[in-house]
Amino acid sequence: MDDIGLFTPEGLSTVEAIAKRRSLDLSDALQLATILHGRYSVLGPNSASVLITADAKLYAAASAEGVRVWNCIASPAPSWA
């Protein structure tokens, strides 16, 4: 997992903000923060990271945050999979 500076005030604030905004626990918010702000976040939409989950709440939160996400239980495989 990328180091997003979780143990800095800014990193923790980012994770807490996502958790609060999307009603997630900190571990799920950390996954989203890592995708949104981690090493590959600057590569653009053609190189987007993908979150694959079976958690409907995490799927909804990721979608709302603009993360490319696939619910592997509820949805058929997307064309990019």
C-alpha atoms as a PDB file:
ATOM      1  CA  MET A   1       0.000   0.000   0.000  1.00  0.00           C
ATOM      2  CA  ASP A   2       1.272   3.478  -0.849  1.00  0.00           C
ATOM      3  CA  ASP A   3       2.397   5.814   1.879  1.00  0.00           C
ATOM      4  CA  ILE A   4      -0.061   8.699   1.833  1.00  0.00           C
ATOM      5  CA  GLY A   5       1.358  10.145   5.022  1.00  0.00           C
ATOM      6  CA  LEU A   6      -1.250   8.596   7.270  1.00  0.00           C
ATOM      7  CA  PHE A   7       0.773   9.482  10.338  1.00  0.00           C
ATOM      8  CA  THR A   8       0.938  13.136   9.392  1.00  0.00           C
ATOM      9  CA  PRO A   9      -1.816  15.573  10.331  1.00  0.00           C
ATOM     10  CA  GLU A  10      -2.685  16.074   6.646  1.00  0.00           C
ATOM     11  CA  GLY A  11      -2.821  12.361   5.824  1.00  0.00           C
ATOM     12  CA  LEU A  12      -4.935  11.495   8.836  1.00  0.00           C
ATOM     13  CA  SER A  13      -7.213  14.447   8.119  1.00  0.00           C
ATOM     14  CA  THR A  14      -7.730  13.213   4.542  1.00  0.00           C
ATOM     15  CA  VAL A  15      -8.668   9.710   5.684  1.00  0.00           C
ATOM     16  CA  GLU A  16     -10.932  10.997   8.455  1.00  0.00           C
ATOM     17  CA  ALA A  17     -12.693  13.385   6.035  1.00  0.00           C
ATOM     18  CA  ILE A  18     -13.468  10.551   3.604  1.00  0.00           C
ATOM     19  CA  ALA A  19     -14.640   8.335   6.471  1.00  0.00           C
ATOM     20  CA  LYS A  20     -16.951  11.038   7.785  1.00  0.00           C
ATOM     21  CA  ARG A  21     -18.229  12.143   4.370  1.00  0.00           C
ATOM     22  CA  ARG A  22     -19.073   8.573   3.264  1.00  0.00           C
ATOM     23  CA  SER A  23     -19.871   6.997   6.674  1.00  0.00           C
ATOM     24  CA  LEU A  24     -17.006   4.509   6.345  1.00  0.00           C
ATOM     25  CA  ASP A  25     -14.682   2.975   8.869  1.00  0.00           C
ATOM     26  CA  LEU A  26     -11.082   4.184   8.733  1.00  0.00           C
ATOM     27  CA  SER A  27      -9.765   1.078   6.963  1.00  0.00           C
ATOM     28  CA  ASP A  28     -12.177   1.540   4.046  1.00  0.00           C
ATOM     29  CA  ALA A  29     -11.485   5.280   3.947  1.00  0.00           C
ATOM     30  CA  LEU A  30      -7.746   4.523   3.858  1.00  0.00           C
ATOM     31  CA  GLN A  31      -8.252   2.365   0.758  1.00  0.00           C
ATOM     32  CA  LEU A  32     -10.029   5.220  -1.006  1.00  0.00           C
ATOM     33  CA  ALA A  33      -7.479   7.815   0.125  1.00  0.00           C
ATOM     34  CA  THR A  34      -4.663   5.624  -1.174  1.00  0.00           C
ATOM     35  CA  ILE A  35      -6.286   5.363  -4.603  1.00  0.00           C
ATOM     36  CA  LEU A  36      -7.167   9.059  -4.702  1.00  0.00           C
ATOM     37  CA  HIS A  37      -3.852  10.401  -3.378  1.00  0.00           C
ATOM     38  CA  GLY A  38      -1.328   7.573  -3.731  1.00  0.00           C
ATOM     39  CA  ARG A  39       1.560   7.093  -6.133  1.00  0.00           C
ATOM     40  CA  TYR A  40      -0.565   6.298  -9.200  1.00  0.00           C
ATOM     41  CA  SER A  41      -3.196   8.997  -8.710  1.00  0.00           C
ATOM     42  CA  VAL A  42      -1.318  11.400 -11.019  1.00  0.00           C
ATOM     43  CA  LEU A  43      -1.249   9.098 -14.045  1.00  0.00           C
ATOM     44  CA  GLY A  44      -4.659  10.128 -15.357  1.00  0.00           C
ATOM     45  CA  PRO A  45      -7.846   8.344 -16.323  1.00  0.00           C
ATOM     46  CA  ASN A  46      -6.200   5.918 -18.768  1.00  0.00           C
ATOM     47  CA  SER A  47      -4.111   4.490 -15.933  1.00  0.00           C
ATOM     48  CA  ALA A  48      -6.712   4.613 -13.185  1.00  0.00           C
ATOM     49  CA  SER A  49      -6.396   2.244 -10.266  1.00  0.00           C
ATOM     50  CA  VAL A  50      -9.360  -0.049  -9.731  1.00  0.00           C
ATOM     51  CA  LEU A  51     -10.993  -1.003  -6.456  1.00  0.00           C
ATOM     52  CA  ILE A  52     -12.583  -4.449  -6.639  1.00  0.00           C
ATOM     53  CA  THR A  53     -14.963  -5.068  -3.778  1.00  0.00           C
ATOM     54  CA  ALA A  54     -17.939  -7.143  -2.703  1.00  0.00           C
ATOM     55  CA  ASP A  55     -18.923  -4.490  -0.145  1.00  0.00           C
ATOM     56  CA  ALA A  56     -21.913  -2.476  -1.421  1.00  0.00           C
ATOM     57  CA  LYS A  57     -21.278   0.432   0.952  1.00  0.00           C
ATOM     58  CA  LEU A  58     -17.629   0.707  -0.079  1.00  0.00           C
ATOM     59  CA  TYR A  59     -18.670   0.430  -3.733  1.00  0.00           C
ATOM     60  CA  ALA A  60     -21.115   3.328  -3.349  1.00  0.00           C
ATOM     61  CA  ALA A  61     -18.554   5.463  -1.516  1.00  0.00           C
ATOM     62  CA  ALA A  62     -15.835   4.769  -4.080  1.00  0.00           C
ATOM     63  CA  SER A  63     -18.178   5.628  -6.945  1.00  0.00           C
ATOM     64  CA  ALA A  64     -19.181   8.870  -5.228  1.00  0.00           C
ATOM     65  CA  GLU A  65     -15.493   9.769  -4.763  1.00  0.00           C
ATOM     66  CA  GLY A  66     -14.793   9.196  -8.463  1.00  0.00           C
ATOM     67  CA  VAL A  67     -12.824   5.971  -8.005  1.00  0.00           C
ATOM     68  CA  ARG A  68     -13.049   3.304 -10.723  1.00  0.00           C
ATOM     69  CA  VAL A  69     -14.701   0.456  -8.864  1.00  0.00           C
ATOM     70  CA  TRP A  70     -16.246  -2.932  -9.578  1.00  0.00           C
ATOM     71  CA  ASN A  71     -18.619  -4.791  -7.269  1.00  0.00           C
ATOM     72  CA  CYS A  72     -17.551  -8.312  -8.178  1.00  0.00           C
ATOM     73  CA  ILE A  73     -20.629  -9.893  -6.573  1.00  0.00           C
ATOM     74  CA  ALA A  74     -23.430  -7.633  -7.802  1.00  0.00           C
ATOM     75  CA  SER A  75     -22.195  -6.620 -11.264  1.00  0.00           C
ATOM     76  CA  PRO A  76     -20.918  -8.457 -14.327  1.00  0.00           C
ATOM     77  CA  ALA A  77     -17.278  -7.946 -15.225  1.00  0.00           C
ATOM     78  CA  PRO A  78     -16.737  -4.551 -16.848  1.00  0.00           C
ATOM     79  CA  SER A  79     -15.154  -4.317 -20.283  1.00  0.00           C
ATOM     80  CA  TRP A  80     -11.838  -3.146 -18.800  1.00  0.00           C
ATOM     81  CA  ALA A  81     -11.576  -6.142 -16.449  1.00  0.00           C
END
